[in-house]
């Protein structure tokens, strides 16, 4: 059985749909709470997933523990390990790959439509909540673009993928975020009307994970 390390930055933002895919795939997930000072101490994992969180990836407001994570991530990349970064995680990966990460003019929140580039499909409604965005790293393929922020996804080779939106979020995660952040949250409370949206984005996410796993599961 392959094991991937999942780096979590907030109690409410766990692996979500990633855990469902891993269970189907017979892949183990070991979760580390970077905000609590936890990071992998050995390189024995097949791949790494970096989740989201309400923190600045760069600049004066970037917390010290996140700076430590960025240094650790640099070591992971030097070992040529596969990495999937989501939202904050995608920004951290872009930063370590030399791309600019900065505040965006129009913050995104709630259900937003992104255009999928290439053979991934025409468009997809996804959940967003971010005020920062990444530029595309050098040599990256553009995977998805949005109306308010163009850079919604990228891949460098087959093993490094960064997403700005949240295909891993489940109704349980969204409900937990709404309880924690209350009026600050732009996320709609999950309802029966959203079931098809969640199903579509999770289906797309599982396909992405299958392609990504091709770089480390053999």
Protein backbone atom coordinates (compact mmCIF):
# COMPACT_ATOMS: atom_id res chain seq x y z
CA UNK A 1 0.00 0.00 0.00
CA UNK A 2 1.27 3.45 -0.95
CA UNK A 3 1.15 6.23 1.66
CA UNK A 4 0.81 9.94 0.96
CA UNK A 5 1.47 12.71 3.46
CA UNK A 6 -1.32 15.29 3.73
CA UNK A 7 -0.36 18.67 5.19
CA UNK A 8 -3.30 20.35 6.91
CA UNK A 9 -3.32 24.00 8.02
CA UNK A 10 -6.66 24.40 9.82
CA UNK A 11 -8.70 22.05 11.99
CA UNK A 12 -11.79 22.36 9.77
CA UNK A 13 -9.97 21.78 6.47
CA UNK A 14 -9.15 18.10 6.37
CA UNK A 15 -8.60 15.80 3.37
CA UNK A 16 -12.30 15.66 2.51
CA UNK A 17 -12.93 14.00 -0.86
CA UNK A 18 -9.23 13.12 -1.07
CA UNK A 19 -9.82 10.61 1.73
CA UNK A 20 -12.75 9.08 -0.20
CA UNK A 21 -10.57 8.63 -3.28
CA UNK A 22 -7.71 7.16 -1.23
CA UNK A 23 -10.05 4.62 0.36
CA UNK A 24 -11.24 3.47 -3.07
CA UNK A 25 -7.64 3.35 -4.33
CA UNK A 26 -6.23 1.47 -1.30
CA UNK A 27 -3.92 4.41 -0.61
CA UNK A 28 -3.10 5.39 2.98
CA UNK A 29 -3.11 9.03 4.10
CA UNK A 30 -1.04 10.32 7.00
CA UNK A 31 -2.19 13.78 8.11
CA UNK A 32 0.17 16.39 9.56
CA UNK A 33 -1.05 19.62 11.18
CA UNK A 34 1.53 22.15 10.04
CA UNK A 35 -0.16 24.87 12.11
CA UNK A 36 0.62 22.75 15.17
CA UNK A 37 4.26 22.28 14.20
CA UNK A 38 3.81 18.88 12.55
CA UNK A 39 5.65 18.06 9.32
CA UNK A 40 6.97 14.78 7.90
CA UNK A 41 10.41 13.93 9.24
CA UNK A 42 11.39 11.38 6.58
CA UNK A 43 11.06 11.07 2.82
CA UNK A 44 9.34 7.71 2.74
CA UNK A 45 6.03 8.95 1.34
CA UNK A 46 4.98 8.27 -2.22
CA UNK A 47 3.55 11.78 -2.64
CA UNK A 48 2.45 14.89 -0.76
CA UNK A 49 -0.77 16.93 -0.65
CA UNK A 50 -0.83 20.49 0.72
CA UNK A 51 -4.30 21.66 1.77
CA UNK A 52 -5.72 25.17 2.15
CA UNK A 53 -6.03 27.61 5.01
CA UNK A 54 -6.67 31.30 5.78
CA UNK A 55 -3.04 32.37 5.86
CA UNK A 56 -0.78 34.52 3.68
CA UNK A 57 1.67 32.36 1.76
CA UNK A 58 4.24 35.17 1.51
CA UNK A 59 4.95 38.54 3.09
CA UNK A 60 5.06 39.96 6.59
CA UNK A 61 1.81 38.25 7.66
CA UNK A 62 3.03 34.76 6.72
CA UNK A 63 3.25 32.95 10.09
CA UNK A 64 6.62 31.52 11.20
CA UNK A 65 5.36 27.93 11.12
CA UNK A 66 4.34 28.43 7.48
CA UNK A 67 7.81 29.73 6.66
CA UNK A 68 9.13 26.49 8.17
CA UNK A 69 6.75 24.53 5.95
CA UNK A 70 8.00 26.41 2.88
CA UNK A 71 11.60 25.48 3.74
CA UNK A 72 10.51 21.86 4.20
CA UNK A 73 8.65 21.95 0.86
CA UNK A 74 11.80 23.13 -0.86
CA UNK A 75 13.49 19.96 0.37
CA UNK A 76 10.61 17.82 -0.93
CA UNK A 77 10.97 19.40 -4.37
CA UNK A 78 14.72 18.85 -4.37
CA UNK A 79 13.96 15.16 -3.86
CA UNK A 80 11.70 15.31 -6.96
CA UNK A 81 8.69 14.08 -5.00
CA UNK A 82 5.14 14.46 -6.41
CA UNK A 83 3.16 17.32 -4.83
CA UNK A 84 -0.47 18.40 -5.17
CA UNK A 85 -1.26 21.82 -3.69
CA UNK A 86 -4.80 23.14 -3.14
CA UNK A 87 -5.56 26.87 -2.60
CA UNK A 88 -2.95 27.90 0.01
CA UNK A 89 -1.11 24.70 -0.89
CA UNK A 90 -1.11 25.65 -4.58
CA UNK A 91 0.25 29.07 -3.66
CA UNK A 92 3.02 27.53 -1.51
CA UNK A 93 3.99 25.22 -4.35
CA UNK A 94 3.98 28.06 -6.88
CA UNK A 95 6.16 30.16 -4.57
CA UNK A 96 8.71 27.35 -4.17
CA UNK A 97 8.73 26.96 -7.98
CA UNK A 98 9.66 30.63 -8.35
CA UNK A 99 6.26 32.06 -9.32
CA UNK A 100 4.75 35.21 -7.84
CA UNK A 101 2.04 34.91 -5.18
CA UNK A 102 0.16 38.12 -4.33
CA UNK A 103 -3.24 39.58 -3.39
CA UNK A 104 -5.79 39.64 -6.22
CA UNK A 105 -8.04 42.55 -7.19
CA UNK A 106 -11.31 40.62 -6.85
CA UNK A 107 -11.47 38.01 -4.02
CA UNK A 108 -13.43 34.89 -4.93
CA UNK A 109 -15.89 33.08 -2.70
CA UNK A 110 -18.70 30.55 -3.02
CA UNK A 111 -19.57 28.60 -6.15
CA UNK A 112 -17.64 29.94 -9.14
CA UNK A 113 -17.29 28.68 -12.70
CA UNK A 114 -13.85 27.79 -14.03
CA UNK A 115 -12.92 26.93 -17.59
CA UNK A 116 -11.02 23.68 -17.86
CA UNK A 117 -8.21 23.87 -20.41
CA UNK A 118 -7.23 21.04 -22.74
CA UNK A 119 -8.85 17.61 -22.54
CA UNK A 120 -10.19 18.12 -19.00
CA UNK A 121 -13.61 19.37 -20.19
CA UNK A 122 -15.30 22.72 -20.93
CA UNK A 123 -16.20 24.17 -17.52
CA UNK A 124 -16.89 23.26 -13.91
CA UNK A 125 -18.54 24.93 -10.92
CA UNK A 126 -16.15 24.87 -7.97
CA UNK A 127 -15.97 26.24 -4.45
CA UNK A 128 -13.62 29.15 -3.82
CA UNK A 129 -12.52 31.29 -0.90
CA UNK A 130 -9.32 33.21 -1.46
CA UNK A 131 -7.91 36.71 -1.60
CA UNK A 132 -4.49 35.73 -2.98
CA UNK A 133 -3.50 34.08 -6.24
CA UNK A 134 -0.47 32.62 -7.98
CA UNK A 135 1.21 33.30 -11.28
CA UNK A 136 1.99 30.27 -13.40
CA UNK A 137 5.39 28.74 -12.63
CA UNK A 138 7.91 28.64 -15.49
CA UNK A 139 7.16 25.78 -17.85
CA UNK A 140 3.77 25.03 -16.29
CA UNK A 141 0.71 23.89 -18.23
CA UNK A 142 -2.37 26.01 -17.55
CA UNK A 143 -5.13 23.65 -16.33
CA UNK A 144 -8.00 26.00 -15.48
CA UNK A 145 -8.92 29.68 -15.69
CA UNK A 146 -11.58 31.80 -14.02
CA UNK A 147 -13.39 35.00 -14.92
CA UNK A 148 -12.05 36.98 -11.95
CA UNK A 149 -8.68 35.26 -11.57
CA UNK A 150 -7.20 33.54 -14.61
CA UNK A 151 -4.77 31.19 -12.89
CA UNK A 152 -6.93 28.50 -11.32
CA UNK A 153 -4.72 25.49 -11.94
CA UNK A 154 -1.34 24.44 -13.29
CA UNK A 155 0.85 21.38 -13.72
CA UNK A 156 4.60 21.10 -14.03
CA UNK A 157 5.27 17.78 -15.66
CA UNK A 158 2.95 15.07 -14.33
CA UNK A 159 3.97 15.14 -10.68
CA UNK A 160 3.47 18.77 -9.58
CA UNK A 161 -0.05 20.20 -9.60
CA UNK A 162 -1.43 23.39 -8.06
CA UNK A 163 -5.09 24.37 -7.82
CA UNK A 164 -6.61 27.62 -6.58
CA UNK A 165 -10.09 26.22 -5.94
CA UNK A 166 -11.27 23.48 -3.55
CA UNK A 167 -12.34 20.21 -5.22
CA UNK A 168 -11.66 18.36 -1.95
CA UNK A 169 -14.25 20.25 0.07
CA UNK A 170 -17.28 18.27 1.19
CA UNK A 171 -20.55 19.58 2.65
CA UNK A 172 -19.18 18.66 6.08
CA UNK A 173 -16.07 20.81 5.59
CA UNK A 174 -18.08 23.76 4.28
CA UNK A 175 -20.50 23.53 7.21
CA UNK A 176 -17.58 23.46 9.65
CA UNK A 177 -15.98 26.51 8.02
CA UNK A 178 -19.28 28.38 8.19
CA UNK A 179 -19.61 27.58 11.88
CA UNK A 180 -16.09 28.82 12.57
CA UNK A 181 -16.10 31.98 10.46
CA UNK A 182 -19.82 32.84 10.59
CA UNK A 183 -20.60 36.12 8.77
CA UNK A 184 -17.03 36.32 7.44
CA UNK A 185 -17.60 33.23 5.30
CA UNK A 186 -18.78 33.68 1.70
CA UNK A 187 -19.64 29.99 1.42
CA UNK A 188 -23.26 28.93 0.93
CA UNK A 189 -24.60 26.46 3.45
CA UNK A 190 -24.76 23.03 1.79
CA UNK A 191 -28.22 21.97 0.65
CA UNK A 192 -29.84 19.22 -1.37
CA UNK A 193 -29.78 21.57 -4.36
CA UNK A 194 -25.96 21.47 -4.31
CA UNK A 195 -25.61 17.67 -4.34
CA UNK A 196 -25.10 17.52 -8.11
CA UNK A 197 -22.46 20.28 -7.93
CA UNK A 198 -20.49 18.41 -5.29
CA UNK A 199 -20.80 15.18 -7.27
CA UNK A 200 -19.48 16.78 -10.46
CA UNK A 201 -16.50 18.48 -8.85
CA UNK A 202 -15.59 15.36 -6.87
CA UNK A 203 -15.82 13.28 -10.02
CA UNK A 204 -13.45 15.67 -11.79
CA UNK A 205 -11.13 15.63 -8.76
CA UNK A 206 -10.98 11.83 -8.74
CA UNK A 207 -9.99 11.85 -12.43
CA UNK A 208 -7.26 14.40 -11.70
CA UNK A 209 -6.02 12.29 -8.78
CA UNK A 210 -5.90 9.20 -11.00
CA UNK A 211 -3.73 10.99 -13.55
CA UNK A 212 -1.50 12.42 -10.79
CA UNK A 213 -1.19 9.00 -9.14
CA UNK A 214 0.28 7.70 -12.37
CA UNK A 215 3.46 9.57 -11.41
CA UNK A 216 3.90 7.75 -8.09
CA UNK A 217 1.65 4.70 -7.69
CA UNK A 218 3.51 2.17 -9.84
